[in-house]
PDB file of N, CA and C in Angstrom:
ATOM      1  N   MET A   1     105.638 168.560 107.934  1.00  0.00           N
ATOM      2  CA  MET A   1     105.624 167.117 108.079  1.00  0.00           C
ATOM      3  C   MET A   1     107.040 166.678 108.441  1.00  0.00           C
ATOM      4  N   SER A   2     107.163 165.788 109.395  1.00  0.00           N
ATOM      5  CA  SER A   2     108.493 165.350 109.809  1.00  0.00           C
ATOM      6  C   SER A   2     109.133 164.489 108.729  1.00  0.00           C
ATOM      7  N   ARG A   3     110.437 164.332 108.871  1.00  0.00           N
ATOM      8  CA  ARG A   3     111.180 163.563 107.879  1.00  0.00           C
ATOM      9  C   ARG A   3     110.693 162.110 107.835  1.00  0.00           C
ATOM     10  N   ILE A   4     110.383 161.547 108.994  1.00  0.00           N
ATOM     11  CA  ILE A   4     109.916 160.145 109.042  1.00  0.00           C
ATOM     12  C   ILE A   4     108.569 160.016 108.350  1.00  0.00           C
ATOM     13  N   HIS A   5     107.676 160.953 108.598  1.00  0.00           N
ATOM     14  CA  HIS A   5     106.367 160.883 107.953  1.00  0.00           C
ATOM     15  C   HIS A   5     106.477 161.062 106.448  1.00  0.00           C
ATOM     16  N   ARG A   6     107.371 161.976 105.995  1.00  0.00           N
ATOM     17  CA  ARG A   6     107.562 162.168 104.551  1.00  0.00           C
ATOM     18  C   ARG A   6     108.125 160.903 103.913  1.00  0.00           C
ATOM     19  N   ARG A   7     109.075 160.271 104.605  1.00  0.00           N
ATOM     20  CA  ARG A   7     109.669 159.045 104.071  1.00  0.00           C
ATOM     21  C   ARG A   7     108.617 157.936 104.002  1.00  0.00           C
ATOM     22  N   THR A   8     107.806 157.814 105.037  1.00  0.00           N
ATOM     23  CA  THR A   8     106.754 156.793 105.049  1.00  0.00           C
ATOM     24  C   THR A   8     105.758 157.061 103.931  1.00  0.00           C
ATOM     25  N   ALA A   9     105.373 158.326 103.737  1.00  0.00           N
ATOM     26  CA  ALA A   9     104.436 158.677 102.673  1.00  0.00           C
ATOM     27  C   ALA A   9     105.030 158.373 101.305  1.00  0.00           C
ATOM     28  N   ALA A  10     106.323 158.645 101.122  1.00  0.00           N
ATOM     29  CA  ALA A  10     106.981 158.366  99.844  1.00  0.00           C
ATOM     30  C   ALA A  10     107.022 156.871  99.563  1.00  0.00           C
ATOM     31  N   ILE A  11     107.322 156.091 100.574  1.00  0.00           N
ATOM     32  CA  ILE A  11     107.363 154.625 100.403  1.00  0.00           C
ATOM     33  C   ILE A  11     105.975 154.104 100.063  1.00  0.00           C
ATOM     34  N   ALA A  12     104.956 154.613 100.755  1.00  0.00           N
ATOM     35  CA  ALA A  12     103.584 154.184 100.477  1.00  0.00           C
ATOM     36  C   ALA A  12     103.185 154.520  99.051  1.00  0.00           C
ATOM     37  N   ALA A  13     103.586 155.698  98.558  1.00  0.00           N
ATOM     38  CA  ALA A  13     103.260 156.103  97.188  1.00  0.00           C
ATOM     39  C   ALA A  13     103.934 155.186  96.172  1.00  0.00           C
ATOM     40  N   VAL A  14     105.202 154.855  96.415  1.00  0.00           N
ATOM     41  CA  VAL A  14     105.931 153.971  95.492  1.00  0.00           C
ATOM     42  C   VAL A  14     105.275 152.596  95.459  1.00  0.00           C
ATOM     43  N   VAL A  15     104.927 152.061  96.622  1.00  0.00           N
ATOM     44  CA  VAL A  15     104.297 150.746  96.676  1.00  0.00           C
ATOM     45  C   VAL A  15     102.957 150.769  95.970  1.00  0.00           C
ATOM     46  N   THR A  16     102.182 151.817  96.191  1.00  0.00           N
ATOM     47  CA  THR A  16     100.871 151.927  95.548  1.00  0.00           C
ATOM     48  C   THR A  16     101.006 152.043  94.044  1.00  0.00           C
ATOM     49  N   LEU A  17     101.921 152.904  93.581  1.00  0.00           N
ATOM     50  CA  LEU A  17     102.078 153.115  92.144  1.00  0.00           C
ATOM     51  C   LEU A  17     102.712 151.924  91.445  1.00  0.00           C
ATOM     52  N   SER A  18     103.509 151.138  92.155  1.00  0.00           N
ATOM     53  CA  SER A  18     104.137 149.985  91.506  1.00  0.00           C
ATOM     54  C   SER A  18     103.100 148.962  91.082  1.00  0.00           C
ATOM     55  N   GLY A  19     101.976 148.954  91.758  1.00  0.00           N
ATOM     56  CA  GLY A  19     100.900 148.050  91.363  1.00  0.00           C
ATOM     57  C   GLY A  19     100.191 148.508  90.115  1.00  0.00           C
ATOM     58  N   CYS A  20     100.425 149.764  89.698  1.00  0.00           N
ATOM     59  CA  CYS A  20      99.770 150.324  88.516  1.00  0.00           C
ATOM     60  C   CYS A  20     100.626 150.186  87.261  1.00  0.00           C
ATOM     61  N   ALA A  21     101.768 149.564  87.335  1.00  0.00           N
ATOM     62  CA  ALA A  21     102.667 149.443  86.184  1.00  0.00           C
ATOM     63  C   ALA A  21     102.003 148.595  85.105  1.00  0.00           C
ATOM     64  N   ALA A  22     102.492 148.760  83.896  1.00  0.00           N
ATOM     65  CA  ALA A  22     101.951 148.001  82.772  1.00  0.00           C
ATOM     66  C   ALA A  22     102.189 146.512  82.990  1.00  0.00           C
ATOM     67  N   ALA A  23     101.296 145.723  82.427  1.00  0.00           N
ATOM     68  CA  ALA A  23     101.411 144.275  82.563  1.00  0.00           C
ATOM     69  C   ALA A  23     102.634 143.781  81.813  1.00  0.00           C
ATOM     70  N   ASP A  24     103.219 142.700  82.302  1.00  0.00           N
ATOM     71  CA  ASP A  24     104.390 142.097  81.682  1.00  0.00           C
ATOM     72  C   ASP A  24     103.990 141.594  80.295  1.00  0.00           C
ATOM     73  N   PRO A  25     104.707 142.033  79.234  1.00  0.00           N
ATOM     74  CA  PRO A  25     104.348 141.597  77.880  1.00  0.00           C
ATOM     75  C   PRO A  25     104.619 140.110  77.660  1.00  0.00           C
ATOM     76  N   ASN A  26     105.478 139.489  78.445  1.00  0.00           N
ATOM     77  CA  ASN A  26     105.786 138.072  78.298  1.00  0.00           C
ATOM     78  C   ASN A  26     105.522 137.347  79.633  1.00  0.00           C
ATOM     79  N   PRO A  27     104.251 137.200  79.999  1.00  0.00           N
ATOM     80  CA  PRO A  27     103.980 136.576  81.300  1.00  0.00           C
ATOM     81  C   PRO A  27     104.380 135.106  81.302  1.00  0.00           C
ATOM     82  N   GLN A  28     104.868 134.671  82.437  1.00  0.00           N
ATOM     83  CA  GLN A  28     105.249 133.272  82.606  1.00  0.00           C
ATOM     84  C   GLN A  28     104.055 132.515  83.218  1.00  0.00           C
ATOM     85  N   PRO A  29     103.810 131.299  82.742  1.00  0.00           N
ATOM     86  CA  PRO A  29     102.685 130.543  83.307  1.00  0.00           C
ATOM     87  C   PRO A  29     102.965 130.188  84.777  1.00  0.00           C
ATOM     88  N   VAL A  30     101.921 130.167  85.535  1.00  0.00           N
ATOM     89  CA  VAL A  30     102.011 129.777  86.944  1.00  0.00           C
ATOM     90  C   VAL A  30     101.458 128.375  87.056  1.00  0.00           C
ATOM     91  N   ILE A  31     102.267 127.483  87.573  1.00  0.00           N
ATOM     92  CA  ILE A  31     101.839 126.092  87.725  1.00  0.00           C
ATOM     93  C   ILE A  31     101.441 125.879  89.183  1.00  0.00           C
ATOM     94  N   VAL A  32     100.221 125.426  89.369  1.00  0.00           N
ATOM     95  CA  VAL A  32      99.709 125.195  90.722  1.00  0.00           C
ATOM     96  C   VAL A  32      99.503 123.708  90.906  1.00  0.00           C
ATOM     97  N   ASP A  33     100.063 123.187  91.972  1.00  0.00           N
ATOM     98  CA  ASP A  33      99.881 121.776  92.317  1.00  0.00           C
ATOM     99  C   ASP A  33      98.553 121.648  93.055  1.00  0.00           C
ATOM    100  N   PRO A  34      97.543 120.969  92.464  1.00  0.00           N
ATOM    101  CA  PRO A  34      96.238 120.874  93.118  1.00  0.00           C
ATOM    102  C   PRO A  34      96.321 120.246  94.513  1.00  0.00           C
ATOM    103  N   ALA A  35      97.227 119.316  94.706  1.00  0.00           N
ATOM    104  CA  ALA A  35      97.344 118.675  96.020  1.00  0.00           C
ATOM    105  C   ALA A  35      97.801 119.679  97.073  1.00  0.00           C
ATOM    106  N   ALA A  36      98.591 120.674  96.660  1.00  0.00           N
ATOM    107  CA  ALA A  36      99.100 121.657  97.605  1.00  0.00           C
ATOM    108  C   ALA A  36      98.028 122.658  98.012  1.00  0.00           C
ATOM    109  N   THR A  37      96.967 122.781  97.207  1.00  0.00           N
ATOM    110  CA  THR A  37      95.933 123.757  97.522  1.00  0.00           C
ATOM    111  C   THR A  37      94.766 123.163  98.300  1.00  0.00           C
ATOM    112  N   GLN A  38      94.773 121.864  98.523  1.00  0.00           N
ATOM    113  CA  GLN A  38      93.691 121.235  99.278  1.00  0.00           C
ATOM    114  C   GLN A  38      93.821 121.578 100.757  1.00  0.00           C
ATOM    115  N   PRO A  39      92.708 121.843 101.408  1.00  0.00           N
ATOM    116  CA  PRO A  39      92.796 122.144 102.840  1.00  0.00           C
ATOM    117  C   PRO A  39      93.281 120.938 103.628  1.00  0.00           C
ATOM    118  N   ARG A  40      94.085 121.214 104.600  1.00  0.00           N
ATOM    119  CA  ARG A  40      94.614 120.148 105.442  1.00  0.00           C
ATOM    120  C   ARG A  40      93.807 120.087 106.728  1.00  0.00           C
ATOM    121  N   PRO A  41      93.606 118.896 107.242  1.00  0.00           N
ATOM    122  CA  PRO A  41      92.887 118.810 108.511  1.00  0.00           C
ATOM    123  C   PRO A  41      93.727 119.424 109.632  1.00  0.00           C
ATOM    124  N   ALA A  42      93.048 120.028 110.587  1.00  0.00           N
ATOM    125  CA  ALA A  42      93.741 120.619 111.726  1.00  0.00           C
ATOM    126  C   ALA A  42      94.399 119.514 112.539  1.00  0.00           C
ATOM    127  N   PRO A  43      95.557 119.812 113.111  1.00  0.00           N
ATOM    128  CA  PRO A  43      96.197 118.790 113.929  1.00  0.00           C
ATOM    129  C   PRO A  43      95.310 118.442 115.118  1.00  0.00           C
ATOM    130  N   ALA A  44      95.347 117.187 115.463  1.00  0.00           N
ATOM    131  CA  ALA A  44      94.516 116.721 116.572  1.00  0.00           C
ATOM    132  C   ALA A  44      95.017 117.324 117.876  1.00  0.00           C
ATOM    133  N   ALA A  45      94.129 117.991 118.558  1.00  0.00           N
ATOM    134  CA  ALA A  45      94.474 118.578 119.855  1.00  0.00           C
ATOM    135  C   ALA A  45      93.717 117.820 120.927  1.00  0.00           C
ATOM    136  N   SER A  46      94.332 117.700 122.059  1.00  0.00           N
ATOM    137  CA  SER A  46      93.638 117.009 123.135  1.00  0.00           C
ATOM    138  C   SER A  46      92.516 117.910 123.619  1.00  0.00           C
ATOM    139  N   PRO A  47      91.343 117.355 123.846  1.00  0.00           N
ATOM    140  CA  PRO A  47      90.216 118.178 124.265  1.00  0.00           C
ATOM    141  C   PRO A  47      90.449 118.752 125.656  1.00  0.00           C
ATOM    142  N   ALA A  48      89.928 119.953 125.864  1.00  0.00           N
ATOM    143  CA  ALA A  48      90.051 120.582 127.177  1.00  0.00           C
ATOM    144  C   ALA A  48      89.215 119.808 128.184  1.00  0.00           C
ATOM    145  N   PRO A  49      89.730 119.640 129.383  1.00  0.00           N
ATOM    146  CA  PRO A  49      88.956 118.928 130.400  1.00  0.00           C
ATOM    147  C   PRO A  49      87.637 119.637 130.676  1.00  0.00           C
ATOM    148  N   GLN A  50      86.617 118.891 130.911  1.00  0.00           N
ATOM    149  CA  GLN A  50      85.296 119.405 131.218  1.00  0.00           C
ATOM    150  C   GLN A  50      84.947 119.026 132.655  1.00  0.00           C
ATOM    151  N   PRO A  51      83.956 119.695 133.240  1.00  0.00           N
ATOM    152  CA  PRO A  51      83.590 119.366 134.623  1.00  0.00           C
ATOM    153  C   PRO A  51      83.277 117.890 134.827  1.00  0.00           C
ATOM    154  N   ALA A  52      82.757 117.222 133.812  1.00  0.00           N
ATOM    155  CA  ALA A  52      82.427 115.808 133.958  1.00  0.00           C
ATOM    156  C   ALA A  52      83.677 114.951 134.176  1.00  0.00           C
ATOM    157  N   GLN A  53      84.855 115.480 133.816  1.00  0.00           N
ATOM    158  CA  GLN A  53      86.097 114.727 133.942  1.00  0.00           C
ATOM    159  C   GLN A  53      86.814 115.004 135.259  1.00  0.00           C
ATOM    160  N   THR A  54      86.210 115.791 136.120  1.00  0.00           N
ATOM    161  CA  THR A  54      86.849 116.103 137.390  1.00  0.00           C
ATOM    162  C   THR A  54      86.443 115.089 138.447  1.00  0.00           C
ATOM    163  N   ASN A  55      87.193 115.048 139.528  1.00  0.00           N
ATOM    164  CA  ASN A  55      86.850 114.161 140.636  1.00  0.00           C
ATOM    165  C   ASN A  55      85.776 114.776 141.523  1.00  0.00           C
ATOM    166  N   ILE A  56      85.659 116.083 141.502  1.00  0.00           N
ATOM    167  CA  ILE A  56      84.738 116.807 142.371  1.00  0.00           C
ATOM    168  C   ILE A  56      83.574 117.332 141.529  1.00  0.00           C
ATOM    169  N   SER A  57      82.356 116.898 141.869  1.00  0.00           N
ATOM    170  CA  SER A  57      81.184 117.358 141.132  1.00  0.00           C
ATOM    171  C   SER A  57      80.835 118.778 141.538  1.00  0.00           C
ATOM    172  N   ARG A  58      79.971 119.385 140.764  1.00  0.00           N
ATOM    173  CA  ARG A  58      79.515 120.739 141.092  1.00  0.00           C
ATOM    174  C   ARG A  58      78.852 120.751 142.465  1.00  0.00           C
ATOM    175  N   GLU A  59      78.036 119.751 142.732  1.00  0.00           N
ATOM    176  CA  GLU A  59      77.339 119.690 144.023  1.00  0.00           C
ATOM    177  C   GLU A  59      78.326 119.577 145.183  1.00  0.00           C
ATOM    178  N   GLN A  60      79.355 118.756 145.020  1.00  0.00           N
ATOM    179  CA  GLN A  60      80.376 118.620 146.065  1.00  0.00           C
ATOM    180  C   GLN A  60      81.133 119.936 146.246  1.00  0.00           C
ATOM    181  N   ALA A  61      81.446 120.593 145.138  1.00  0.00           N
ATOM    182  CA  ALA A  61      82.162 121.868 145.202  1.00  0.00           C
ATOM    183  C   ALA A  61      81.314 122.912 145.911  1.00  0.00           C
ATOM    184  N   GLU A  62      80.023 122.948 145.615  1.00  0.00           N
ATOM    185  CA  GLU A  62      79.136 123.907 146.265  1.00  0.00           C
ATOM    186  C   GLU A  62      79.048 123.652 147.766  1.00  0.00           C
ATOM    187  N   ALA A  63      78.952 122.383 148.160  1.00  0.00           N
ATOM    188  CA  ALA A  63      78.876 122.046 149.584  1.00  0.00           C
ATOM    189  C   ALA A  63      80.160 122.462 150.308  1.00  0.00           C
ATOM    190  N   THR A  64      81.295 122.213 149.690  1.00  0.00           N
ATOM    191  CA  THR A  64      82.579 122.598 150.283  1.00  0.00           C
ATOM    192  C   THR A  64      82.686 124.116 150.385  1.00  0.00           C
ATOM    193  N   ALA A  65      82.234 124.820 149.353  1.00  0.00           N
ATOM    194  CA  ALA A  65      82.289 126.281 149.354  1.00  0.00           C
ATOM    195  C   ALA A  65      81.380 126.860 150.433  1.00  0.00           C
ATOM    196  N   LEU A  66      80.188 126.305 150.603  1.00  0.00           N
ATOM    197  CA  LEU A  66      79.285 126.773 151.659  1.00  0.00           C
ATOM    198  C   LEU A  66      79.921 126.608 153.029  1.00  0.00           C
ATOM    199  N   SER A  67      80.584 125.491 153.227  1.00  0.00           N
ATOM    200  CA  SER A  67      81.271 125.242 154.496  1.00  0.00           C
ATOM    201  C   SER A  67      82.408 126.249 154.693  1.00  0.00           C
ATOM    202  N   ALA A  68      83.200 126.490 153.649  1.00  0.00           N
ATOM    203  CA  ALA A  68      84.334 127.415 153.743  1.00  0.00           C
ATOM    204  C   ALA A  68      83.863 128.847 153.978  1.00  0.00           C
ATOM    205  N   ALA A  69      82.671 129.193 153.461  1.00  0.00           N
ATOM    206  CA  ALA A  69      82.147 130.548 153.614  1.00  0.00           C
ATOM    207  C   ALA A  69      81.363 130.715 154.913  1.00  0.00           C
ATOM    208  N   GLY A  70      81.135 129.636 155.624  1.00  0.00           N
ATOM    209  CA  GLY A  70      80.375 129.716 156.866  1.00  0.00           C
ATOM    210  C   GLY A  70      78.877 129.759 156.648  1.00  0.00           C
ATOM    211  N   GLY A  71      78.411 129.197 155.543  1.00  0.00           N
ATOM    212  CA  GLY A  71      76.980 129.159 155.244  1.00  0.00           C
ATOM    213  C   GLY A  71      76.598 130.195 154.219  1.00  0.00           C
ATOM    214  N   GLY A  72      75.307 130.224 153.906  1.00  0.00           N
ATOM    215  CA  GLY A  72      74.785 131.156 152.913  1.00  0.00           C
ATOM    216  C   GLY A  72      74.152 130.417 151.763  1.00  0.00           C
ATOM    217  N   ARG A  73      74.139 131.062 150.613  1.00  0.00           N
ATOM    218  CA  ARG A  73      73.555 130.469 149.407  1.00  0.00           C
ATOM    219  C   ARG A  73      74.515 130.627 148.241  1.00  0.00           C
ATOM    220  N   VAL A  74      74.649 129.576 147.464  1.00  0.00           N
ATOM    221  CA  VAL A  74      75.471 129.639 146.248  1.00  0.00           C
ATOM    222  C   VAL A  74      74.669 130.390 145.190  1.00  0.00           C
ATOM    223  N   PHE A  75      75.280 131.426 144.606  1.00  0.00           N
ATOM    224  CA  PHE A  75      74.585 132.122 143.528  1.00  0.00           C
ATOM    225  C   PHE A  75      75.315 132.034 142.202  1.00  0.00           C
ATOM    226  N   ASP A  76      76.498 131.426 142.193  1.00  0.00           N
ATOM    227  CA  ASP A  76      77.192 131.204 140.925  1.00  0.00           C
ATOM    228  C   ASP A  76      78.252 130.135 141.124  1.00  0.00           C
ATOM    229  N   ALA A  77      78.393 129.276 140.135  1.00  0.00           N
ATOM    230  CA  ALA A  77      79.421 128.231 140.166  1.00  0.00           C
ATOM    231  C   ALA A  77      79.978 128.090 138.761  1.00  0.00           C
ATOM    232  N   ASP A  78      81.282 128.266 138.642  1.00  0.00           N
ATOM    233  CA  ASP A  78      81.935 128.173 137.341  1.00  0.00           C
ATOM    234  C   ASP A  78      83.109 127.217 137.405  1.00  0.00           C
ATOM    235  N   PHE A  79      83.256 126.451 136.327  1.00  0.00           N
ATOM    236  CA  PHE A  79      84.416 125.581 136.164  1.00  0.00           C
ATOM    237  C   PHE A  79      85.390 126.301 135.257  1.00  0.00           C
ATOM    238  N   ASP A  80      86.674 126.278 135.619  1.00  0.00           N
ATOM    239  CA  ASP A  80      87.678 126.980 134.826  1.00  0.00           C
ATOM    240  C   ASP A  80      88.981 126.197 134.866  1.00  0.00           C
ATOM    241  N   ILE A  81      89.810 126.424 133.877  1.00  0.00           N
ATOM    242  CA  ILE A  81      91.155 125.851 133.866  1.00  0.00           C
ATOM    243  C   ILE A  81      92.120 127.019 133.893  1.00  0.00           C
ATOM    244  N   ASP A  82      92.916 127.091 134.935  1.00  0.00           N
ATOM    245  CA  ASP A  82      93.837 128.204 135.133  1.00  0.00           C
ATOM    246  C   ASP A  82      95.246 127.636 135.249  1.00  0.00           C
ATOM    247  N   ASP A  83      96.088 127.949 134.267  1.00  0.00           N
ATOM    248  CA  ASP A  83      97.462 127.435 134.216  1.00  0.00           C
ATOM    249  C   ASP A  83      97.488 125.914 134.343  1.00  0.00           C
ATOM    250  N   GLY A  84      96.553 125.262 133.676  1.00  0.00           N
ATOM    251  CA  GLY A  84      96.511 123.803 133.666  1.00  0.00           C
ATOM    252  C   GLY A  84      95.835 123.179 134.877  1.00  0.00           C
ATOM    253  N   LEU A  85      95.428 123.987 135.849  1.00  0.00           N
ATOM    254  CA  LEU A  85      94.776 123.483 137.051  1.00  0.00           C
ATOM    255  C   LEU A  85      93.269 123.634 136.892  1.00  0.00           C
ATOM    256  N   MET A  86      92.535 122.520 137.065  1.00  0.00           N
ATOM    257  CA  MET A  86      91.078 122.569 136.970  1.00  0.00           C
ATOM    258  C   MET A  86      90.530 123.123 138.283  1.00  0.00           C
ATOM    259  N   ILE A  87      89.712 124.159 138.174  1.00  0.00           N
ATOM    260  CA  ILE A  87      89.249 124.892 139.354  1.00  0.00           C
ATOM    261  C   ILE A  87      87.737 125.102 139.297  1.00  0.00           C
ATOM    262  N   TRP A  88      87.107 124.940 140.455  1.00  0.00           N
ATOM    263  CA  TRP A  88      85.729 125.378 140.647  1.00  0.00           C
ATOM    264  C   TRP A  88      85.798 126.746 141.308  1.00  0.00           C
ATOM    265  N   GLU A  89      85.070 127.716 140.760  1.00  0.00           N
ATOM    266  CA  GLU A  89      84.940 129.041 141.364  1.00  0.00           C
ATOM    267  C   GLU A  89      83.494 129.167 141.810  1.00  0.00           C
ATOM    268  N   ILE A  90      83.273 129.166 143.118  1.00  0.00           N
ATOM    269  CA  ILE A  90      81.931 129.178 143.676  1.00  0.00           C
ATOM    270  C   ILE A  90      81.718 130.502 144.406  1.00  0.00           C
ATOM    271  N   GLU A  91      80.629 131.189 144.078  1.00  0.00           N
ATOM    272  CA  GLU A  91      80.300 132.441 144.743  1.00  0.00           C
ATOM    273  C   GLU A  91      79.145 132.193 145.703  1.00  0.00           C
ATOM    274  N   VAL A  92      79.342 132.640 146.948  1.00  0.00           N
ATOM    275  CA  VAL A  92      78.373 132.404 148.017  1.00  0.00           C
ATOM    276  C   VAL A  92      77.964 133.750 148.601  1.00  0.00           C
ATOM    277  N   LEU A  93      76.669 133.919 148.796  1.00  0.00           N
ATOM    278  CA  LEU A  93      76.131 135.118 149.436  1.00  0.00           C
ATOM    279  C   LEU A  93      75.632 134.717 150.816  1.00  0.00           C
ATOM    280  N   SER A  94      76.043 135.480 151.827  1.00  0.00           N
ATOM    281  CA  SER A  94      75.653 135.157 153.204  1.00  0.00           C
ATOM    282  C   SER A  94      74.134 135.282 153.363  1.00  0.00           C
ATOM    283  N   ASP A  95      73.590 134.612 154.394  1.00  0.00           N
ATOM    284  CA  ASP A  95      72.151 134.647 154.635  1.00  0.00           C
ATOM    285  C   ASP A  95      71.648 136.055 154.926  1.00  0.00           C
ATOM    286  N   ASP A  96      72.491 136.916 155.508  1.00  0.00           N
ATOM    287  CA  ASP A  96      72.074 138.286 155.796  1.00  0.00           C
ATOM    288  C   ASP A  96      72.281 139.224 154.602  1.00  0.00           C
ATOM    289  N   LEU A  97      72.723 138.670 153.471  1.00  0.00           N
ATOM    290  CA  LEU A  97      72.919 139.397 152.215  1.00  0.00           C
ATOM    291  C   LEU A  97      73.965 140.511 152.310  1.00  0.00           C
ATOM    292  N   ARG A  98      74.848 140.437 153.296  1.00  0.00           N
ATOM    293  CA  ARG A  98      75.846 141.491 153.486  1.00  0.00           C
ATOM    294  C   ARG A  98      77.245 141.106 153.025  1.00  0.00           C
ATOM    295  N   THR A  99      77.486 139.822 152.866  1.00  0.00           N
ATOM    296  CA  THR A  99      78.847 139.382 152.540  1.00  0.00           C
ATOM    297  C   THR A  99      78.830 138.388 151.379  1.00  0.00           C
ATOM    298  N   GLU A 100      79.741 138.605 150.436  1.00  0.00           N
ATOM    299  CA  GLU A 100      79.947 137.660 149.342  1.00  0.00           C
ATOM    300  C   GLU A 100      81.284 136.975 149.558  1.00  0.00           C
ATOM    301  N   HIS A 101      81.306 135.678 149.311  1.00  0.00           N
ATOM    302  CA  HIS A 101      82.555 134.918 149.348  1.00  0.00           C
ATOM    303  C   HIS A 101      82.750 134.291 147.974  1.00  0.00           C
ATOM    304  N   GLU A 102      83.962 134.385 147.471  1.00  0.00           N
ATOM    305  CA  GLU A 102      84.321 133.650 146.256  1.00  0.00           C
ATOM    306  C   GLU A 102      85.319 132.593 146.685  1.00  0.00           C
ATOM    307  N   VAL A 103      84.905 131.342 146.505  1.00  0.00           N
ATOM    308  CA  VAL A 103      85.704 130.212 146.978  1.00  0.00           C
ATOM    309  C   VAL A 103      86.284 129.497 145.762  1.00  0.00           C
ATOM    310  N   PHE A 104      87.589 129.275 145.787  1.00  0.00           N
ATOM    311  CA  PHE A 104      88.289 128.601 144.701  1.00  0.00           C
ATOM    312  C   PHE A 104      88.690 127.214 145.184  1.00  0.00           C
ATOM    313  N   LEU A 105      88.254 126.190 144.445  1.00  0.00           N
ATOM    314  CA  LEU A 105      88.521 124.802 144.824  1.00  0.00           C
ATOM    315  C   LEU A 105      89.264 124.085 143.724  1.00  0.00           C
ATOM    316  N   ASP A 106      90.207 123.239 144.096  1.00  0.00           N
ATOM    317  CA  ASP A 106      90.861 122.349 143.146  1.00  0.00           C
ATOM    318  C   ASP A 106      89.814 121.309 142.737  1.00  0.00           C
ATOM    319  N   ALA A 107      89.472 121.262 141.446  1.00  0.00           N
ATOM    320  CA  ALA A 107      88.416 120.380 140.965  1.00  0.00           C
ATOM    321  C   ALA A 107      88.842 118.919 140.946  1.00  0.00           C
ATOM    322  N   THR A 108      90.118 118.657 141.158  1.00  0.00           N
ATOM    323  CA  THR A 108      90.603 117.276 141.192  1.00  0.00           C
ATOM    324  C   THR A 108      90.597 116.728 142.611  1.00  0.00           C
ATOM    325  N   THR A 109      91.026 117.557 143.570  1.00  0.00           N
ATOM    326  CA  THR A 109      91.153 117.080 144.955  1.00  0.00           C
ATOM    327  C   THR A 109      90.067 117.597 145.883  1.00  0.00           C
ATOM    328  N   GLY A 110      89.411 118.693 145.518  1.00  0.00           N
ATOM    329  CA  GLY A 110      88.416 119.302 146.391  1.00  0.00           C
ATOM    330  C   GLY A 110      89.015 120.255 147.412  1.00  0.00           C
ATOM    331  N   GLU A 111      90.337 120.432 147.375  1.00  0.00           N
ATOM    332  CA  GLU A 111      91.018 121.312 148.317  1.00  0.00           C
ATOM    333  C   GLU A 111      90.606 122.767 148.078  1.00  0.00           C
ATOM    334  N   VAL A 112      90.346 123.490 149.189  1.00  0.00           N
ATOM    335  CA  VAL A 112      90.053 124.920 149.089  1.00  0.00           C
ATOM    336  C   VAL A 112      91.374 125.638 148.836  1.00  0.00           C
ATOM    337  N   LEU A 113      91.464 126.313 147.701  1.00  0.00           N
ATOM    338  CA  LEU A 113      92.692 127.013 147.324  1.00  0.00           C
ATOM    339  C   LEU A 113      92.715 128.433 147.869  1.00  0.00           C
ATOM    340  N   ALA A 114      91.552 129.081 147.872  1.00  0.00           N
ATOM    341  CA  ALA A 114      91.478 130.457 148.359  1.00  0.00           C
ATOM    342  C   ALA A 114      90.023 130.807 148.623  1.00  0.00           C
ATOM    343  N   VAL A 115      89.838 131.748 149.555  1.00  0.00           N
ATOM    344  CA  VAL A 115      88.509 132.300 149.816  1.00  0.00           C
ATOM    345  C   VAL A 115      88.677 133.816 149.839  1.00  0.00           C
ATOM    346  N   GLU A 116      87.905 134.487 148.990  1.00  0.00           N
ATOM    347  CA  GLU A 116      87.925 135.945 148.958  1.00  0.00           C
ATOM    348  C   GLU A 116      86.617 136.437 149.533  1.00  0.00           C
ATOM    349  N   ARG A 117      86.707 137.358 150.471  1.00  0.00           N
ATOM    350  CA  ARG A 117      85.514 137.895 151.142  1.00  0.00           C
ATOM    351  C   ARG A 117      85.308 139.337 150.715  1.00  0.00           C
ATOM    352  N   ASP A 118      84.060 139.681 150.421  1.00  0.00           N
ATOM    353  CA  ASP A 118      83.729 141.049 150.050  1.00  0.00           C
ATOM    354  C   ASP A 118      82.483 141.445 150.829  1.00  0.00           C
ATOM    355  N   ASP A 119      82.653 142.402 151.768  1.00  0.00           N
ATOM    356  CA  ASP A 119      81.518 142.921 152.526  1.00  0.00           C
ATOM    357  C   ASP A 119      80.824 143.952 151.659  1.00  0.00           C
ATOM    358  N   ARG A 120      79.531 143.736 151.419  1.00  0.00           N
ATOM    359  CA  ARG A 120      78.763 144.651 150.589  1.00  0.00           C
ATOM    360  C   ARG A 120      78.527 145.961 151.313  1.00  0.00           C
ATOM    361  N   ASP A 121      78.687 147.031 150.579  1.00  0.00           N
ATOM    362  CA  ASP A 121      78.388 148.350 151.121  1.00  0.00           C
ATOM    363  C   ASP A 121      76.984 148.735 150.686  1.00  0.00           C
ATOM    364  N   ASP A 122      76.146 149.108 151.625  1.00  0.00           N
ATOM    365  CA  ASP A 122      74.763 149.485 151.270  1.00  0.00           C
ATOM    366  C   ASP A 122      74.688 150.904 150.821  1.00  0.00           C
TER     367      ASP A 122
END
C-alpha cells in the first residue's frame, strides 16, 4: 500500500473511532433558537421567459423555417433559451425525405440565426 493510501486509511480510522469515544460526563445544554430553524422562503426569481412571451409565435417560426429550408414539413419545434437569447429550433424534413434542416430563429425578432443541413444516408 502506498504511503498516501496508508495515511488516508489512518486518518479515516481515527475519524471513525473518534465517534466511538465515551460520552462527555458533563454535557453542556444546546440552546436552539426556534426562529432560526424555521424554513425561509426561497428568494424571488424572475420567471424564465416562455414561448407566449416572445414576439414570434410557433406558427410564424415554422413558416419562416420552411422558407429558410426551401420547403418540406416541420417535424419538431422547440423553444429554448441559450445564453439569455430566446430561440426557436425548428426541424424540417424535405418533401423527398432525404434532407433534414435544423433552423434556429431569434424568438424576439424572427431573424434566422443559422440553418444546419443534414443529408440522410439511406
